[in-house]
Amino acid sequence: MAKIKINSNKENVHIGLVEELGQVQFEIFPKVKNAVELFKSQDVKDIIDLGCGLGWNTIFLAREGFNIWAGDICKGYIDTLRDKTSKMNLKNINCKQLDMKNIPYEDNRFDAVICTSTLNHGTLREIKMIIDEIHRVLKPNGILITDLLSVEDQSFGIGEMIETNTFIGGRKGEEDIPHHYTDENEIMELFKSFKEVYVYRRNYIFDLADSEVMSQVYDIECVK
């Protein structure tokens, strides 16, 4: 049975825009920056970044000295990331197109897993499959840093409901991607295979050039 600690106080976190290699991106989330100290204290060396996208977390963590395996289902993202890492001469990044429901690495392979702004992109069954795969590839005492959208998020209920708490077409720019929204009871069930689970309620406020967009999220840290 997992030891679960939920911080019920909501924290507002502002995320601004920065420029990197001529591209504008959101700055690295504090939960990823803060994970660096945790990882170093636990002698983490090998990390897989699942749903890496264009690789902002991948590059940040590689610059901190970790060995990073970056995975995403989108070949275009992986090709772009390979090109960027080659130009930056980062030798400690391995890029691979993959499906998170079937991670192509052996059991107990990684010291840590990063999976941010990604895990909620599916049905509840698919999310369970991904969590099982993450647990499988983590070493004993390995660390998971992830997040899930809250049922309190302002986009909850928008679009077509394809199952309970799962909608498609509700979030701008991701109209064809399912989004699952969760609560604390479901989190306790989803992550029960881990020995320690820490949950933080956060409102992420994305500061755009002429507006703000907010996401209400559960940030989740687990120890296998």
Protein backbone atom coordinates (compact mmCIF):
# COMPACT_ATOMS: atom_id res chain seq x y z
CA MET A 1 0.00 0.00 0.00
CA ALA A 2 1.39 3.37 -1.03
CA LYS A 3 2.14 6.07 1.50
CA ILE A 4 0.26 9.03 0.01
CA LYS A 5 0.58 12.64 1.12
CA ILE A 6 -1.69 15.26 -0.47
CA ASN A 7 -1.03 18.96 -0.02
CA SER A 8 -4.52 20.44 -0.29
CA ASN A 9 -3.35 24.07 -0.46
CA LYS A 10 -3.44 25.46 -3.99
CA GLU A 11 -0.32 27.26 -5.20
CA ASN A 12 -0.28 29.74 -8.08
CA VAL A 13 2.70 29.29 -10.39
CA HIS A 14 3.40 31.80 -13.17
CA ILE A 15 5.12 30.48 -16.29
CA GLY A 16 6.62 33.00 -18.70
CA LEU A 17 8.03 32.86 -22.21
CA VAL A 18 11.75 32.60 -23.01
CA GLU A 19 13.76 32.27 -26.22
CA GLU A 20 16.06 29.33 -26.93
CA LEU A 21 17.85 28.66 -30.24
CA GLY A 22 15.68 31.23 -31.95
CA GLN A 23 12.45 29.60 -30.73
CA VAL A 24 10.05 31.00 -28.16
CA GLN A 25 9.00 28.52 -25.48
CA PHE A 26 7.56 28.44 -21.99
CA GLU A 27 10.22 28.47 -19.30
CA ILE A 28 11.07 25.22 -17.56
CA PHE A 29 8.47 24.42 -14.91
CA PRO A 30 9.64 24.83 -11.28
CA LYS A 31 8.78 21.18 -10.58
CA VAL A 32 11.41 20.13 -13.14
CA LYS A 33 13.98 22.66 -11.92
CA ASN A 34 13.41 21.56 -8.32
CA ALA A 35 13.75 17.91 -9.30
CA VAL A 36 17.41 18.48 -10.15
CA GLU A 37 18.41 18.85 -6.49
CA LEU A 38 16.30 15.80 -5.57
CA PHE A 39 17.84 13.73 -8.35
CA LYS A 40 21.39 14.66 -7.40
CA SER A 41 20.73 13.89 -3.73
CA GLN A 42 19.53 10.41 -4.74
CA ASP A 43 22.44 9.79 -7.14
CA VAL A 44 20.15 9.71 -10.17
CA LYS A 45 22.06 9.28 -13.43
CA ASP A 46 19.74 7.83 -16.09
CA ILE A 47 16.40 9.58 -16.76
CA ILE A 48 13.73 8.96 -19.38
CA ASP A 49 11.65 11.96 -20.50
CA LEU A 50 8.35 10.52 -21.74
CA GLY A 51 6.21 12.65 -24.02
CA CYS A 52 9.27 14.84 -24.47
CA GLY A 53 7.77 16.96 -27.25
CA LEU A 54 10.39 19.34 -28.62
CA GLY A 55 12.66 18.46 -25.72
CA TRP A 56 12.85 21.51 -23.47
CA ASN A 57 13.00 19.36 -20.32
CA THR A 58 15.34 16.92 -22.06
CA ILE A 59 17.86 19.63 -22.92
CA PHE A 60 17.58 21.29 -19.50
CA LEU A 61 18.27 18.03 -17.65
CA ALA A 62 21.07 17.02 -20.02
CA ARG A 63 22.78 20.35 -19.33
CA GLU A 64 22.56 19.48 -15.63
CA GLY A 65 24.70 16.42 -16.34
CA PHE A 66 22.13 13.61 -16.42
CA ASN A 67 21.96 10.93 -19.11
CA ILE A 68 18.60 11.44 -20.84
CA TRP A 69 16.50 9.11 -22.96
CA ALA A 70 13.86 11.21 -24.74
CA GLY A 71 10.73 9.53 -26.07
CA ASP A 72 7.65 10.75 -27.92
CA ILE A 73 5.07 9.17 -30.20
CA CYS A 74 5.50 12.01 -32.72
CA LYS A 75 8.35 11.32 -35.18
CA GLY A 76 8.52 15.00 -36.12
CA TYR A 77 9.26 16.00 -32.52
CA ILE A 78 11.97 13.35 -32.23
CA ASP A 79 13.61 14.38 -35.52
CA THR A 80 13.59 18.04 -34.45
CA LEU A 81 15.07 17.18 -31.05
CA ARG A 82 17.81 15.06 -32.63
CA ASP A 83 18.72 18.00 -34.85
CA LYS A 84 18.80 20.41 -31.89
CA THR A 85 20.92 18.15 -29.70
CA SER A 86 23.36 17.61 -32.56
CA LYS A 87 23.74 21.37 -33.07
CA MET A 88 24.22 21.84 -29.32
CA ASN A 89 26.74 18.94 -29.21
CA LEU A 90 24.86 17.27 -26.34
CA LYS A 91 26.19 13.71 -26.27
CA ASN A 92 24.17 12.55 -23.25
CA ILE A 93 20.77 12.48 -25.00
CA ASN A 94 19.27 9.45 -26.74
CA CYS A 95 16.11 10.18 -28.79
CA LYS A 96 13.56 7.53 -29.71
CA GLN A 97 10.05 7.49 -31.16
CA LEU A 98 7.92 5.37 -28.83
CA ASP A 99 4.47 4.63 -27.47
CA MET A 100 4.34 5.16 -23.70
CA LYS A 101 1.91 2.25 -23.36
CA ASN A 102 4.73 -0.05 -24.49
CA ILE A 103 8.05 1.49 -23.44
CA PRO A 104 10.82 -0.33 -25.36
CA TYR A 105 13.27 -0.67 -22.47
CA GLU A 106 13.94 -3.44 -19.99
CA ASP A 107 12.60 -3.68 -16.45
CA ASN A 108 14.33 -1.59 -13.76
CA ARG A 109 16.23 0.44 -16.37
CA PHE A 110 15.95 4.07 -15.20
CA ASP A 111 16.71 6.00 -12.03
CA ALA A 112 13.95 8.52 -12.77
CA VAL A 113 11.08 9.26 -15.15
CA ILE A 114 9.84 12.70 -16.20
CA CYS A 115 6.39 12.80 -17.81
CA THR A 116 4.93 16.31 -17.77
CA SER A 117 1.85 17.77 -19.51
CA THR A 118 1.36 14.41 -21.21
CA LEU A 119 -0.06 11.68 -18.97
CA ASN A 120 -3.62 13.04 -19.17
CA HIS A 121 -3.65 12.70 -23.00
CA GLY A 122 -5.70 9.52 -23.11
CA THR A 123 -8.49 7.46 -21.63
CA LEU A 124 -8.31 6.24 -18.05
CA ARG A 125 -7.41 2.75 -19.28
CA GLU A 126 -4.53 4.16 -21.33
CA ILE A 127 -3.29 6.20 -18.38
CA LYS A 128 -3.26 3.07 -16.21
CA MET A 129 -1.26 1.23 -18.87
CA ILE A 130 1.30 4.04 -19.03
CA ILE A 131 1.69 4.18 -15.24
CA ASP A 132 2.23 0.40 -15.19
CA GLU A 133 4.93 0.76 -17.85
CA ILE A 134 6.59 3.62 -15.97
CA HIS A 135 6.63 1.52 -12.80
CA ARG A 136 8.14 -1.39 -14.74
CA VAL A 137 11.07 0.56 -16.21
CA LEU A 138 11.91 2.39 -12.97
CA LYS A 139 14.57 0.92 -10.72
CA PRO A 140 13.63 0.15 -7.10
CA ASN A 141 13.52 3.52 -5.27
CA GLY A 142 13.32 5.24 -8.67
CA ILE A 143 11.54 8.60 -8.89
CA LEU A 144 8.62 9.68 -11.08
CA ILE A 145 7.78 13.35 -11.72
CA THR A 146 4.43 13.74 -13.49
CA ASP A 147 1.12 15.61 -13.46
CA LEU A 148 -2.57 15.27 -14.27
CA LEU A 149 -5.29 17.80 -15.03
CA SER A 150 -7.77 18.47 -12.22
CA VAL A 151 -11.53 18.13 -12.64
CA GLU A 152 -11.56 21.75 -11.42
CA ASP A 153 -9.73 22.97 -14.53
CA GLN A 154 -11.68 25.55 -16.51
CA SER A 155 -11.68 23.36 -19.64
CA PHE A 156 -13.35 20.43 -17.86
CA GLY A 157 -16.60 19.47 -19.56
CA ILE A 158 -15.84 21.25 -22.84
CA GLY A 159 -15.92 19.14 -26.01
CA GLU A 160 -17.22 15.63 -26.55
CA MET A 161 -17.22 13.33 -23.52
CA ILE A 162 -15.86 9.95 -24.62
CA GLU A 163 -15.95 8.45 -21.11
CA THR A 164 -16.32 9.70 -17.54
CA ASN A 165 -14.05 12.74 -17.04
CA THR A 166 -12.46 12.34 -20.48
CA PHE A 167 -13.18 14.83 -23.26
CA ILE A 168 -11.96 15.50 -26.77
CA GLY A 169 -12.02 18.88 -28.48
CA GLY A 170 -12.01 20.97 -25.32
CA ARG A 171 -8.54 22.52 -25.26
CA LYS A 172 -7.34 24.99 -27.88
CA GLY A 173 -4.54 23.66 -30.06
CA GLU A 174 -5.17 20.08 -28.92
CA GLU A 175 -8.66 19.59 -30.33
CA ASP A 176 -8.00 16.03 -31.57
CA ILE A 177 -6.31 14.83 -28.36
CA PRO A 178 -8.29 13.24 -25.51
CA HIS A 179 -7.90 14.94 -22.12
CA HIS A 180 -8.63 13.09 -18.91
CA TYR A 181 -9.36 15.03 -15.72
CA THR A 182 -8.78 13.52 -12.31
CA ASP A 183 -9.35 13.96 -8.58
CA GLU A 184 -7.54 12.93 -5.42
CA ASN A 185 -9.37 9.62 -4.98
CA GLU A 186 -8.49 8.53 -8.50
CA ILE A 187 -4.85 9.55 -8.02
CA MET A 188 -4.62 7.32 -4.94
CA GLU A 189 -5.89 4.41 -7.02
CA LEU A 190 -3.74 5.11 -10.08
CA PHE A 191 -0.44 5.30 -8.19
CA LYS A 192 -1.05 2.65 -5.52
CA SER A 193 1.80 0.46 -6.85
CA PHE A 194 4.36 3.06 -5.71
CA LYS A 195 5.59 3.05 -2.13
CA GLU A 196 5.51 6.85 -1.74
CA VAL A 197 3.26 9.38 -3.51
CA TYR A 198 3.31 13.15 -2.96
CA VAL A 199 0.55 15.26 -4.53
CA TYR A 200 0.50 19.05 -4.91
CA ARG A 201 -2.42 21.14 -6.19
CA ARG A 202 -1.20 23.94 -8.44
CA ASN A 203 -2.68 26.58 -10.70
CA TYR A 204 -0.30 27.14 -13.60
CA ILE A 205 -0.74 30.62 -15.05
CA PHE A 206 0.85 30.93 -18.48
CA ASP A 207 1.82 34.53 -19.14
CA LEU A 208 1.38 35.14 -22.87
CA ALA A 209 2.16 38.36 -24.71
CA ASP A 210 -1.36 39.75 -24.38
CA SER A 211 -3.23 37.37 -22.07
CA GLU A 212 -3.04 34.70 -19.39
CA VAL A 213 -4.14 31.07 -19.57
CA MET A 214 -4.56 28.95 -16.44
CA SER A 215 -4.40 25.19 -15.95
CA GLN A 216 -5.41 23.57 -12.66
CA VAL A 217 -3.14 20.60 -12.17
CA TYR A 218 -2.10 17.92 -9.71
CA ASP A 219 1.70 17.67 -9.62
CA ILE A 220 2.72 14.19 -8.56
CA GLU A 221 6.03 12.81 -7.27
CA CYS A 222 6.36 9.07 -6.70
CA VAL A 223 8.99 6.70 -5.37
CA LYS A 224 8.90 3.07 -6.53
